[in-house]
C-alpha cells in the first residue's frame, strides 16, 4: 500500500479533521472508534491513527470519555 501523507489543523476545540482520503482508505465512518498511538523519539515523534480491525471492544479503556 502506498504511503498517504496529508496535513490537518487542530481547531480551537482541540479537534482534528481526518481528511477524506484517509477516511476512505481506513473506511472510517461517523461514530467509529479510532486508536491513537504516539511513537518515535525526541523530535521525530509521530501520531499514528488506526481503525482497529475488530472494532472497539467495550472492555478497552475509553480515554476520550475519561475526565482528567
N, C-alpha and C. Protein backbone atom coordinates (compact mmCIF):
# COMPACT_ATOMS: atom_id res chain seq x y z
N UNK A 1 0.84 -1.17 0.00
CA UNK A 1 0.00 0.00 0.00
C UNK A 1 0.89 1.24 0.00
N UNK A 2 0.63 2.19 -0.87
CA UNK A 2 1.46 3.40 -0.91
C UNK A 2 1.21 4.27 0.32
N UNK A 3 2.21 5.03 0.67
CA UNK A 3 2.11 5.93 1.80
C UNK A 3 1.22 7.11 1.42
N UNK A 4 0.30 7.45 2.27
CA UNK A 4 -0.56 8.61 2.07
C UNK A 4 -0.23 9.59 3.17
N UNK A 5 0.28 10.76 2.78
CA UNK A 5 0.66 11.76 3.77
C UNK A 5 -0.13 13.03 3.50
N UNK A 6 -0.85 13.47 4.51
CA UNK A 6 -1.65 14.68 4.41
C UNK A 6 -1.46 15.50 5.68
N UNK A 7 -1.89 16.72 5.64
CA UNK A 7 -1.76 17.60 6.79
C UNK A 7 -3.14 18.08 7.21
N UNK A 8 -3.31 18.29 8.50
CA UNK A 8 -4.57 18.75 9.04
C UNK A 8 -4.26 19.68 10.21
N UNK A 9 -5.18 20.57 10.50
CA UNK A 9 -5.02 21.52 11.59
C UNK A 9 -5.90 21.15 12.77
N UNK A 10 -5.45 21.46 13.95
CA UNK A 10 -6.26 21.28 15.15
C UNK A 10 -7.04 22.57 15.34
N UNK A 11 -8.36 22.45 15.55
CA UNK A 11 -9.17 23.65 15.69
C UNK A 11 -9.12 24.18 17.13
N UNK A 12 -9.87 25.23 17.38
CA UNK A 12 -9.84 25.89 18.70
C UNK A 12 -10.44 25.04 19.82
N UNK A 13 -11.07 23.93 19.47
CA UNK A 13 -11.60 23.00 20.48
C UNK A 13 -10.71 21.75 20.58
N UNK A 14 -9.51 21.83 20.03
CA UNK A 14 -8.53 20.74 20.03
C UNK A 14 -9.01 19.52 19.27
N UNK A 15 -9.81 19.73 18.25
CA UNK A 15 -10.30 18.63 17.40
C UNK A 15 -9.56 18.68 16.07
N UNK A 16 -9.41 17.51 15.47
CA UNK A 16 -8.73 17.42 14.20
C UNK A 16 -9.68 16.78 13.18
N UNK A 17 -9.66 17.28 11.97
CA UNK A 17 -10.45 16.69 10.90
C UNK A 17 -9.57 15.70 10.16
N UNK A 18 -10.06 14.49 10.02
CA UNK A 18 -9.32 13.47 9.27
C UNK A 18 -9.70 13.65 7.80
N UNK A 19 -8.72 13.93 6.95
CA UNK A 19 -9.00 14.18 5.55
C UNK A 19 -9.71 13.02 4.85
N UNK A 20 -10.49 13.36 3.85
CA UNK A 20 -11.32 12.40 3.11
C UNK A 20 -10.53 11.19 2.62
N UNK A 21 -9.34 11.39 2.07
CA UNK A 21 -8.54 10.28 1.55
C UNK A 21 -8.22 9.24 2.60
N UNK A 22 -7.89 9.70 3.80
CA UNK A 22 -7.58 8.77 4.89
C UNK A 22 -8.85 8.10 5.39
N UNK A 23 -9.94 8.87 5.50
CA UNK A 23 -11.21 8.26 5.92
C UNK A 23 -11.63 7.16 4.95
N UNK A 24 -11.45 7.41 3.67
CA UNK A 24 -11.81 6.39 2.67
C UNK A 24 -10.89 5.17 2.77
N UNK A 25 -9.60 5.41 2.89
CA UNK A 25 -8.62 4.31 2.95
C UNK A 25 -8.87 3.40 4.15
N UNK A 26 -9.23 3.99 5.29
CA UNK A 26 -9.47 3.21 6.52
C UNK A 26 -10.94 2.86 6.70
N UNK A 27 -11.79 3.30 5.76
CA UNK A 27 -13.23 3.07 5.84
C UNK A 27 -13.79 3.59 7.17
N UNK A 28 -13.42 4.82 7.51
CA UNK A 28 -13.85 5.45 8.76
C UNK A 28 -15.19 6.14 8.52
N UNK A 29 -16.13 5.83 9.39
CA UNK A 29 -17.47 6.40 9.32
C UNK A 29 -17.75 7.17 10.61
N UNK A 30 -18.70 8.12 10.59
CA UNK A 30 -19.05 8.83 11.82
C UNK A 30 -19.42 7.85 12.93
N UNK A 31 -18.89 8.09 14.11
CA UNK A 31 -19.16 7.23 15.26
C UNK A 31 -18.15 6.12 15.46
N UNK A 32 -17.28 5.86 14.46
CA UNK A 32 -16.25 4.83 14.61
C UNK A 32 -15.25 5.23 15.69
N UNK A 33 -14.72 4.25 16.38
CA UNK A 33 -13.65 4.47 17.36
C UNK A 33 -12.32 4.29 16.66
N UNK A 34 -11.37 5.14 17.00
CA UNK A 34 -10.04 5.06 16.41
C UNK A 34 -9.00 4.87 17.51
N UNK A 35 -7.91 4.24 17.14
CA UNK A 35 -6.79 4.06 18.07
C UNK A 35 -5.73 5.09 17.71
N UNK A 36 -5.28 5.86 18.69
CA UNK A 36 -4.22 6.84 18.50
C UNK A 36 -3.00 6.34 19.26
N UNK A 37 -1.87 6.25 18.56
CA UNK A 37 -0.64 5.75 19.16
C UNK A 37 0.46 6.78 18.96
N UNK A 38 1.11 7.16 20.04
CA UNK A 38 2.22 8.10 19.97
C UNK A 38 3.52 7.31 19.95
N UNK A 39 4.34 7.56 18.96
CA UNK A 39 5.60 6.83 18.83
C UNK A 39 6.74 7.76 18.44
N UNK A 40 7.89 7.18 18.25
CA UNK A 40 9.05 7.97 17.85
C UNK A 40 9.88 8.39 19.03
N UNK A 41 10.97 9.07 18.70
CA UNK A 41 11.93 9.51 19.72
C UNK A 41 12.23 10.98 19.51
N UNK A 42 12.26 11.73 20.60
CA UNK A 42 12.61 13.15 20.60
C UNK A 42 11.83 13.94 19.56
N UNK A 43 12.52 14.57 18.61
CA UNK A 43 11.86 15.43 17.63
C UNK A 43 11.18 14.66 16.50
N UNK A 44 11.43 13.37 16.41
CA UNK A 44 10.82 12.55 15.36
C UNK A 44 9.58 11.85 15.88
N UNK A 45 8.76 12.57 16.66
CA UNK A 45 7.55 11.99 17.23
C UNK A 45 6.49 11.84 16.15
N UNK A 46 5.71 10.80 16.25
CA UNK A 46 4.66 10.52 15.27
C UNK A 46 3.38 10.14 16.00
N UNK A 47 2.27 10.60 15.48
CA UNK A 47 0.96 10.19 15.97
C UNK A 47 0.36 9.28 14.91
N UNK A 48 0.14 8.03 15.26
CA UNK A 48 -0.42 7.07 14.33
C UNK A 48 -1.90 6.90 14.62
N UNK A 49 -2.71 6.94 13.58
CA UNK A 49 -4.15 6.77 13.72
C UNK A 49 -4.53 5.49 13.00
N UNK A 50 -5.24 4.62 13.69
CA UNK A 50 -5.67 3.38 13.05
C UNK A 50 -7.08 3.03 13.48
N UNK A 51 -7.72 2.26 12.65
CA UNK A 51 -9.06 1.76 12.97
C UNK A 51 -8.88 0.29 13.34
N UNK A 52 -9.12 -0.08 14.60
CA UNK A 52 -8.94 -1.47 14.99
C UNK A 52 -9.77 -2.41 14.11
N UNK A 53 -9.15 -3.50 13.67
CA UNK A 53 -9.83 -4.43 12.76
C UNK A 53 -11.08 -5.03 13.36
N UNK A 54 -11.03 -5.36 14.63
CA UNK A 54 -12.18 -5.97 15.28
C UNK A 54 -13.16 -4.94 15.81
N UNK A 55 -12.87 -3.67 15.56
CA UNK A 55 -13.72 -2.62 16.09
C UNK A 55 -13.40 -2.34 17.54
N UNK A 56 -14.16 -1.51 18.13
CA UNK A 56 -13.98 -1.12 19.53
C UNK A 56 -14.52 -2.21 20.44
N UNK A 57 -13.73 -2.57 21.44
CA UNK A 57 -14.18 -3.55 22.42
C UNK A 57 -14.56 -2.82 23.70
N UNK A 58 -15.75 -3.04 24.23
CA UNK A 58 -16.20 -2.32 25.41
C UNK A 58 -15.29 -2.47 26.62
N UNK A 59 -14.50 -3.55 26.69
CA UNK A 59 -13.63 -3.74 27.84
C UNK A 59 -12.36 -2.90 27.75
N UNK A 60 -12.10 -2.27 26.60
CA UNK A 60 -10.93 -1.41 26.47
C UNK A 60 -11.19 -0.09 27.18
N UNK A 61 -10.15 0.50 27.69
CA UNK A 61 -10.28 1.77 28.38
C UNK A 61 -10.59 2.88 27.38
N UNK A 62 -11.66 3.58 27.57
CA UNK A 62 -12.07 4.66 26.69
C UNK A 62 -11.53 5.96 27.26
N UNK A 63 -10.32 6.34 26.86
CA UNK A 63 -9.68 7.52 27.44
C UNK A 63 -10.32 8.81 26.97
N UNK A 64 -11.04 8.80 25.87
CA UNK A 64 -11.68 10.01 25.38
C UNK A 64 -12.80 10.47 26.30
N UNK A 65 -13.45 9.52 26.96
CA UNK A 65 -14.57 9.89 27.82
C UNK A 65 -14.14 10.09 29.27
N UNK A 66 -12.90 9.75 29.60
CA UNK A 66 -12.42 9.95 30.96
C UNK A 66 -12.09 11.42 31.17
N UNK A 67 -12.59 11.98 32.26
CA UNK A 67 -12.30 13.38 32.54
C UNK A 67 -11.15 13.45 33.51
N UNK A 68 -10.14 14.23 33.14
CA UNK A 68 -8.96 14.37 33.99
C UNK A 68 -9.00 15.69 34.73
